[in-house]
PDB file of N, CA and C in Angstrom:
ATOM      1  N   MET A   1     -25.164   2.681 -16.560  1.00  0.00           N
ATOM      2  CA  MET A   1     -24.511   3.615 -15.832  1.00  0.00           C
ATOM      3  C   MET A   1     -23.316   2.992 -15.003  1.00  0.00           C
ATOM      4  N   ILE A   2     -22.182   3.728 -14.956  1.00  0.00           N
ATOM      5  CA  ILE A   2     -20.814   3.126 -14.383  1.00  0.00           C
ATOM      6  C   ILE A   2     -21.193   3.510 -12.826  1.00  0.00           C
ATOM      7  N   ASN A   3     -20.950   2.365 -11.975  1.00  0.00           N
ATOM      8  CA  ASN A   3     -20.732   2.566 -10.510  1.00  0.00           C
ATOM      9  C   ASN A   3     -19.384   3.257  -9.927  1.00  0.00           C
ATOM     10  N   THR A   4     -19.408   4.558  -9.874  1.00  0.00           N
ATOM     11  CA  THR A   4     -18.268   5.049  -9.536  1.00  0.00           C
ATOM     12  C   THR A   4     -17.485   4.784  -8.175  1.00  0.00           C
ATOM     13  N   SER A   5     -18.288   4.079  -7.275  1.00  0.00           N
ATOM     14  CA  SER A   5     -17.679   3.753  -6.224  1.00  0.00           C
ATOM     15  C   SER A   5     -16.894   2.587  -6.249  1.00  0.00           C
ATOM     16  N   THR A   6     -17.156   1.595  -7.261  1.00  0.00           N
ATOM     17  CA  THR A   6     -16.473   0.460  -7.364  1.00  0.00           C
ATOM     18  C   THR A   6     -15.442   0.729  -8.484  1.00  0.00           C
ATOM     19  N   THR A   7     -15.477   1.742  -9.335  1.00  0.00           N
ATOM     20  CA  THR A   7     -14.480   2.052 -10.347  1.00  0.00           C
ATOM     21  C   THR A   7     -13.400   2.755  -9.729  1.00  0.00           C
ATOM     22  N   ARG A   8     -13.678   3.651  -8.745  1.00  0.00           N
ATOM     23  CA  ARG A   8     -12.514   4.362  -7.949  1.00  0.00           C
ATOM     24  C   ARG A   8     -11.678   3.437  -6.853  1.00  0.00           C
ATOM     25  N   GLN A   9     -12.043   2.320  -6.551  1.00  0.00           N
ATOM     26  CA  GLN A   9     -11.374   1.696  -5.692  1.00  0.00           C
ATOM     27  C   GLN A   9     -10.079   1.298  -6.360  1.00  0.00           C
ATOM     28  N   GLY A  10      -9.154   1.174  -5.061  1.00  0.00           N
ATOM     29  CA  GLY A  10      -7.714   0.729  -5.583  1.00  0.00           C
ATOM     30  C   GLY A  10      -6.880   1.821  -6.244  1.00  0.00           C
ATOM     31  N   LEU A  11      -7.287   3.074  -6.110  1.00  0.00           N
ATOM     32  CA  LEU A  11      -6.441   4.256  -6.701  1.00  0.00           C
ATOM     33  C   LEU A  11      -5.521   4.755  -5.662  1.00  0.00           C
ATOM     34  N   GLY A  12      -5.749   4.422  -4.250  1.00  0.00           N
ATOM     35  CA  GLY A  12      -4.735   4.812  -3.436  1.00  0.00           C
ATOM     36  C   GLY A  12      -5.239   5.594  -2.316  1.00  0.00           C
ATOM     37  N   ARG A  13      -6.180   6.288  -2.455  1.00  0.00           N
ATOM     38  CA  ARG A  13      -7.224   6.821  -1.269  1.00  0.00           C
ATOM     39  C   ARG A  13      -8.197   6.338  -0.494  1.00  0.00           C
ATOM     40  N   GLN A  14      -8.323   4.954  -0.991  1.00  0.00           N
ATOM     41  CA  GLN A  14      -9.449   4.087  -0.192  1.00  0.00           C
ATOM     42  C   GLN A  14      -8.497   3.660   0.879  1.00  0.00           C
ATOM     43  N   LEU A  15      -9.079   3.938   2.095  1.00  0.00           N
ATOM     44  CA  LEU A  15      -8.237   3.332   3.326  1.00  0.00           C
ATOM     45  C   LEU A  15      -9.245   2.722   4.483  1.00  0.00           C
ATOM     46  N   PRO A  16      -9.064   1.795   4.687  1.00  0.00           N
ATOM     47  CA  PRO A  16      -7.862   0.902   4.515  1.00  0.00           C
ATOM     48  C   PRO A  16      -8.127  -0.037   3.141  1.00  0.00           C
ATOM     49  N   PRO A  17      -7.172   0.049   2.283  1.00  0.00           N
ATOM     50  CA  PRO A  17      -7.201  -0.715   1.021  1.00  0.00           C
ATOM     51  C   PRO A  17      -7.538  -2.253   0.993  1.00  0.00           C
ATOM     52  N   LEU A  18      -8.226  -2.576  -0.070  1.00  0.00           N
ATOM     53  CA  LEU A  18      -8.417  -4.131  -0.017  1.00  0.00           C
ATOM     54  C   LEU A  18      -7.190  -4.812  -0.169  1.00  0.00           C
ATOM     55  N   PHE A  19      -6.901  -5.786   0.575  1.00  0.00           N
ATOM     56  CA  PHE A  19      -5.512  -6.387   0.159  1.00  0.00           C
ATOM     57  C   PHE A  19      -5.184  -6.799  -1.182  1.00  0.00           C
ATOM     58  N   ILE A  20      -6.158  -7.197  -2.139  1.00  0.00           N
ATOM     59  CA  ILE A  20      -5.973  -7.492  -3.471  1.00  0.00           C
ATOM     60  C   ILE A  20      -5.572  -6.343  -4.248  1.00  0.00           C
ATOM     61  N   HIS A  21      -5.888  -5.065  -3.928  1.00  0.00           N
ATOM     62  CA  HIS A  21      -5.437  -3.947  -4.717  1.00  0.00           C
ATOM     63  C   HIS A  21      -3.788  -3.684  -4.285  1.00  0.00           C
ATOM     64  N   VAL A  22      -3.635  -4.033  -3.041  1.00  0.00           N
ATOM     65  CA  VAL A  22      -2.203  -3.982  -2.692  1.00  0.00           C
ATOM     66  C   VAL A  22      -1.315  -4.867  -3.272  1.00  0.00           C
ATOM     67  N   GLU A  23      -1.823  -6.206  -3.235  1.00  0.00           N
ATOM     68  CA  GLU A  23      -1.077  -7.247  -3.843  1.00  0.00           C
ATOM     69  C   GLU A  23      -0.892  -6.936  -5.315  1.00  0.00           C
ATOM     70  N   ILE A  24      -1.928  -6.604  -6.083  1.00  0.00           N
ATOM     71  CA  ILE A  24      -1.745  -6.285  -7.491  1.00  0.00           C
ATOM     72  C   ILE A  24      -0.666  -4.993  -7.816  1.00  0.00           C
ATOM     73  N   TYR A  25      -0.720  -4.203  -6.842  1.00  0.00           N
ATOM     74  CA  TYR A  25       0.311  -3.004  -6.891  1.00  0.00           C
ATOM     75  C   TYR A  25       1.682  -3.415  -6.673  1.00  0.00           C
ATOM     76  N   PHE A  26       1.906  -4.265  -5.713  1.00  0.00           N
ATOM     77  CA  PHE A  26       3.276  -4.724  -5.407  1.00  0.00           C
ATOM     78  C   PHE A  26       3.811  -5.553  -6.573  1.00  0.00           C
ATOM     79  N   ILE A  27       2.979  -6.621  -7.161  1.00  0.00           N
ATOM     80  CA  ILE A  27       3.274  -7.389  -8.182  1.00  0.00           C
ATOM     81  C   ILE A  27       3.530  -6.645  -9.358  1.00  0.00           C
ATOM     82  N   GLN A  28       2.669  -5.464  -9.693  1.00  0.00           N
ATOM     83  CA  GLN A  28       3.231  -4.589 -10.741  1.00  0.00           C
ATOM     84  C   GLN A  28       4.577  -3.771 -10.794  1.00  0.00           C
ATOM     85  N   LYS A  29       4.848  -3.748  -9.608  1.00  0.00           N
ATOM     86  CA  LYS A  29       6.220  -2.986  -9.078  1.00  0.00           C
ATOM     87  C   LYS A  29       7.173  -4.316  -9.113  1.00  0.00           C
ATOM     88  N   GLY A  30       7.030  -5.337  -9.392  1.00  0.00           N
ATOM     89  CA  GLY A  30       8.119  -6.454  -9.361  1.00  0.00           C
ATOM     90  C   GLY A  30       8.406  -7.351  -8.114  1.00  0.00           C
ATOM     91  N   CYS A  31       7.508  -6.911  -7.121  1.00  0.00           N
ATOM     92  CA  CYS A  31       7.578  -7.418  -5.849  1.00  0.00           C
ATOM     93  C   CYS A  31       6.729  -8.659  -5.728  1.00  0.00           C
ATOM     94  N   THR A  32       6.905  -9.302  -4.636  1.00  0.00           N
ATOM     95  CA  THR A  32       6.151 -10.579  -4.348  1.00  0.00           C
ATOM     96  C   THR A  32       4.844 -10.491  -3.679  1.00  0.00           C
ATOM     97  N   PRO A  33       3.892 -11.410  -3.794  1.00  0.00           N
ATOM     98  CA  PRO A  33       2.703 -11.377  -2.820  1.00  0.00           C
ATOM     99  C   PRO A  33       3.051 -11.210  -1.457  1.00  0.00           C
ATOM    100  N   GLU A  34       4.335 -11.954  -1.116  1.00  0.00           N
ATOM    101  CA  GLU A  34       4.625 -11.712   0.379  1.00  0.00           C
ATOM    102  C   GLU A  34       5.129 -10.288   0.774  1.00  0.00           C
ATOM    103  N   ASP A  35       5.876  -9.776  -0.222  1.00  0.00           N
ATOM    104  CA  ASP A  35       6.107  -8.443   0.098  1.00  0.00           C
ATOM    105  C   ASP A  35       4.795  -7.550   0.308  1.00  0.00           C
ATOM    106  N   ALA A  36       4.041  -7.690  -0.492  1.00  0.00           N
ATOM    107  CA  ALA A  36       2.583  -6.991  -0.329  1.00  0.00           C
ATOM    108  C   ALA A  36       1.993  -7.326   1.094  1.00  0.00           C
ATOM    109  N   ALA A  37       1.996  -8.744   1.457  1.00  0.00           N
ATOM    110  CA  ALA A  37       1.449  -8.982   2.655  1.00  0.00           C
ATOM    111  C   ALA A  37       2.079  -8.335   3.973  1.00  0.00           C
ATOM    112  N   PHE A  38       3.565  -8.318   3.851  1.00  0.00           N
ATOM    113  CA  PHE A  38       4.085  -7.967   4.907  1.00  0.00           C
ATOM    114  C   PHE A  38       3.794  -6.272   5.050  1.00  0.00           C
ATOM    115  N   PHE A  39       3.771  -5.443   3.940  1.00  0.00           N
ATOM    116  CA  PHE A  39       3.223  -4.042   3.937  1.00  0.00           C
ATOM    117  C   PHE A  39       2.047  -3.953   4.498  1.00  0.00           C
ATOM    118  N   PHE A  40       1.084  -4.702   3.956  1.00  0.00           N
ATOM    119  CA  PHE A  40      -0.313  -4.655   4.447  1.00  0.00           C
ATOM    120  C   PHE A  40      -0.585  -5.017   5.945  1.00  0.00           C
ATOM    121  N   ARG A  41       0.051  -6.021   6.372  1.00  0.00           N
ATOM    122  CA  ARG A  41      -0.085  -6.223   7.827  1.00  0.00           C
ATOM    123  C   ARG A  41       0.646  -5.132   8.675  1.00  0.00           C
ATOM    124  N   HIS A  42       1.669  -4.672   8.274  1.00  0.00           N
ATOM    125  CA  HIS A  42       2.407  -3.707   9.009  1.00  0.00           C
ATOM    126  C   HIS A  42       1.559  -2.403   9.302  1.00  0.00           C
ATOM    127  N   TYR A  43       1.011  -1.827   8.082  1.00  0.00           N
ATOM    128  CA  TYR A  43       0.049  -0.802   8.170  1.00  0.00           C
ATOM    129  C   TYR A  43      -1.303  -1.039   8.741  1.00  0.00           C
ATOM    130  N   GLN A  44      -1.777  -2.320   8.754  1.00  0.00           N
ATOM    131  CA  GLN A  44      -3.042  -2.663   9.222  1.00  0.00           C
ATOM    132  C   GLN A  44      -2.997  -2.411  10.627  1.00  0.00           C
ATOM    133  N   GLN A  45      -1.720  -2.894  11.208  1.00  0.00           N
ATOM    134  CA  GLN A  45      -1.476  -3.042  12.664  1.00  0.00           C
ATOM    135  C   GLN A  45      -1.340  -1.501  13.251  1.00  0.00           C
ATOM    136  N   GLN A  46      -0.732  -0.648  12.372  1.00  0.00           N
ATOM    137  CA  GLN A  46      -0.541   0.911  12.543  1.00  0.00           C
ATOM    138  C   GLN A  46      -1.949   1.542  12.667  1.00  0.00           C
ATOM    139  N   GLY A  47      -2.841   1.032  12.147  1.00  0.00           N
ATOM    140  CA  GLY A  47      -4.196   1.712  11.924  1.00  0.00           C
ATOM    141  C   GLY A  47      -4.078   2.726  10.598  1.00  0.00           C
ATOM    142  N   TRP A  48      -3.260   2.264   9.702  1.00  0.00           N
ATOM    143  CA  TRP A  48      -3.021   3.170   8.775  1.00  0.00           C
ATOM    144  C   TRP A  48      -2.642   4.460   8.922  1.00  0.00           C
ATOM    145  N   LYS A  49      -1.584   4.611  10.036  1.00  0.00           N
ATOM    146  CA  LYS A  49      -1.085   5.831  10.170  1.00  0.00           C
ATOM    147  C   LYS A  49       0.513   5.789  10.223  1.00  0.00           C
ATOM    148  N   HIS A  50       0.931   6.827   9.974  1.00  0.00           N
ATOM    149  CA  HIS A  50       2.497   7.084   9.994  1.00  0.00           C
ATOM    150  C   HIS A  50       2.933   6.993  11.301  1.00  0.00           C
ATOM    151  N   THR A  51       4.333   6.746  11.473  1.00  0.00           N
ATOM    152  CA  THR A  51       4.817   6.581  12.910  1.00  0.00           C
ATOM    153  C   THR A  51       4.626   7.802  13.830  1.00  0.00           C
ATOM    154  N   ASN A  52       4.439   8.878  12.911  1.00  0.00           N
ATOM    155  CA  ASN A  52       4.106  10.264  14.043  1.00  0.00           C
ATOM    156  C   ASN A  52       2.739  10.271  14.357  1.00  0.00           C
ATOM    157  N   GLY A  53       1.943   9.500  13.779  1.00  0.00           N
ATOM    158  CA  GLY A  53       0.428   9.277  14.064  1.00  0.00           C
ATOM    159  C   GLY A  53      -0.432  10.040  13.187  1.00  0.00           C
ATOM    160  N   THR A  54       0.220  10.654  12.165  1.00  0.00           N
ATOM    161  CA  THR A  54      -0.863  11.245  11.176  1.00  0.00           C
ATOM    162  C   THR A  54      -1.296  10.136  10.166  1.00  0.00           C
ATOM    163  N   PRO A  55      -2.768  10.221   9.818  1.00  0.00           N
ATOM    164  CA  PRO A  55      -3.323   9.329   8.937  1.00  0.00           C
ATOM    165  C   PRO A  55      -2.626   9.238   7.615  1.00  0.00           C
ATOM    166  N   VAL A  56      -2.473   7.987   7.043  1.00  0.00           N
ATOM    167  CA  VAL A  56      -2.111   7.770   5.527  1.00  0.00           C
ATOM    168  C   VAL A  56      -2.936   8.608   4.682  1.00  0.00           C
ATOM    169  N   ALA A  57      -2.594   9.292   3.885  1.00  0.00           N
ATOM    170  CA  ALA A  57      -3.696   9.885   2.921  1.00  0.00           C
ATOM    171  C   ALA A  57      -3.753   9.079   1.677  1.00  0.00           C
ATOM    172  N   ASN A  58      -2.578   8.678   1.175  1.00  0.00           N
ATOM    173  CA  ASN A  58      -2.616   7.830  -0.058  1.00  0.00           C
ATOM    174  C   ASN A  58      -1.500   6.406   0.180  1.00  0.00           C
ATOM    175  N   TRP A  59      -2.189   5.126   0.242  1.00  0.00           N
ATOM    176  CA  TRP A  59      -1.527   4.096   0.442  1.00  0.00           C
ATOM    177  C   TRP A  59      -0.662   3.746  -0.576  1.00  0.00           C
ATOM    178  N   LYS A  60      -0.838   4.145  -1.928  1.00  0.00           N
ATOM    179  CA  LYS A  60       0.171   3.812  -2.948  1.00  0.00           C
ATOM    180  C   LYS A  60       1.574   4.809  -2.939  1.00  0.00           C
ATOM    181  N   THR A  61       1.265   5.942  -2.384  1.00  0.00           N
ATOM    182  CA  THR A  61       2.521   6.764  -2.229  1.00  0.00           C
ATOM    183  C   THR A  61       3.437   6.170  -1.051  1.00  0.00           C
ATOM    184  N   LEU A  62       2.754   5.461  -0.005  1.00  0.00           N
ATOM    185  CA  LEU A  62       3.338   4.909   1.125  1.00  0.00           C
ATOM    186  C   LEU A  62       3.906   3.603   0.563  1.00  0.00           C
ATOM    187  N   ALA A  63       3.263   2.887  -0.321  1.00  0.00           N
ATOM    188  CA  ALA A  63       3.725   1.512  -0.844  1.00  0.00           C
ATOM    189  C   ALA A  63       5.052   1.738  -1.642  1.00  0.00           C
ATOM    190  N   CYS A  64       4.886   2.846  -2.508  1.00  0.00           N
ATOM    191  CA  CYS A  64       6.035   3.363  -3.408  1.00  0.00           C
ATOM    192  C   CYS A  64       7.264   3.383  -2.732  1.00  0.00           C
ATOM    193  N   ASP A  65       7.184   4.019  -1.764  1.00  0.00           N
ATOM    194  CA  ASP A  65       8.392   4.562  -0.681  1.00  0.00           C
ATOM    195  C   ASP A  65       8.878   3.312  -0.065  1.00  0.00           C
ATOM    196  N   TRP A  66       8.038   2.332   0.341  1.00  0.00           N
ATOM    197  CA  TRP A  66       8.257   1.220   0.882  1.00  0.00           C
ATOM    198  C   TRP A  66       9.127   0.053   0.085  1.00  0.00           C
ATOM    199  N   ILE A  67       8.544   0.246  -1.199  1.00  0.00           N
ATOM    200  CA  ILE A  67       9.298  -0.610  -2.396  1.00  0.00           C
ATOM    201  C   ILE A  67      10.638  -0.138  -2.438  1.00  0.00           C
ATOM    202  N   TRP A  68      10.823   1.199  -2.644  1.00  0.00           N
ATOM    203  CA  TRP A  68      11.950   1.576  -3.051  1.00  0.00           C
ATOM    204  C   TRP A  68      13.106   1.501  -2.026  1.00  0.00           C
ATOM    205  N   THR A  69      12.503   1.521  -0.635  1.00  0.00           N
ATOM    206  CA  THR A  69      13.474   1.303   0.356  1.00  0.00           C
ATOM    207  C   THR A  69      13.839  -0.219   0.416  1.00  0.00           C
ATOM    208  N   MET A  70      12.776  -1.090   0.300  1.00  0.00           N
ATOM    209  CA  MET A  70      12.987  -2.551   0.137  1.00  0.00           C
ATOM    210  C   MET A  70      13.891  -2.956  -0.902  1.00  0.00           C
ATOM    211  N   LYS A  71      14.060  -2.386  -1.980  1.00  0.00           N
ATOM    212  CA  LYS A  71      14.797  -2.616  -3.143  1.00  0.00           C
ATOM    213  C   LYS A  71      16.279  -2.057  -3.282  1.00  0.00           C
ATOM    214  N   TYR A  72      16.209  -0.674  -2.725  1.00  0.00           N
ATOM    215  CA  TYR A  72      17.381  -0.053  -2.971  1.00  0.00           C
ATOM    216  C   TYR A  72      17.985   0.610  -1.921  1.00  0.00           C
ATOM    217  N   ASP A  73      17.556   0.699  -0.652  1.00  0.00           N
ATOM    218  CA  ASP A  73      18.205   1.114   0.631  1.00  0.00           C
ATOM    219  C   ASP A  73      18.889   0.015   1.083  1.00  0.00           C
ATOM    220  N   LYS A  74      20.309  -0.226   0.903  1.00  0.00           N
ATOM    221  CA  LYS A  74      21.160  -1.308   1.417  1.00  0.00           C
ATOM    222  C   LYS A  74      21.877  -0.954   2.816  1.00  0.00           C
ATOM    223  N   THR A  75      21.210   0.189   3.234  1.00  0.00           N
ATOM    224  CA  THR A  75      21.825   0.375   4.625  1.00  0.00           C
ATOM    225  C   THR A  75      21.860  -0.614   5.752  1.00  0.00           C
ATOM    226  N   PRO A  76      23.237  -0.813   6.088  1.00  0.00           N
ATOM    227  CA  PRO A  76      23.217  -2.042   7.046  1.00  0.00           C
ATOM    228  C   PRO A  76      22.508  -1.690   8.319  1.00  0.00           C
TER     229      PRO A  76
END
């Protein structure tokens, strides 16, 4: 029998996520483990909430936006 509680981990909705899942996701997207740690610490300190106080529903969606901004938003 497959343990669904462990096979569903890391899909994005588990909050707070395990750091290893965040690190793997960032590495898959071409980022460094340090980038993953910075993201993880930031949202860990925020209590996994957006700046307006609403809870994060999916950390992978949030990480995707973070990565895009980090790589492509070169606003001074």
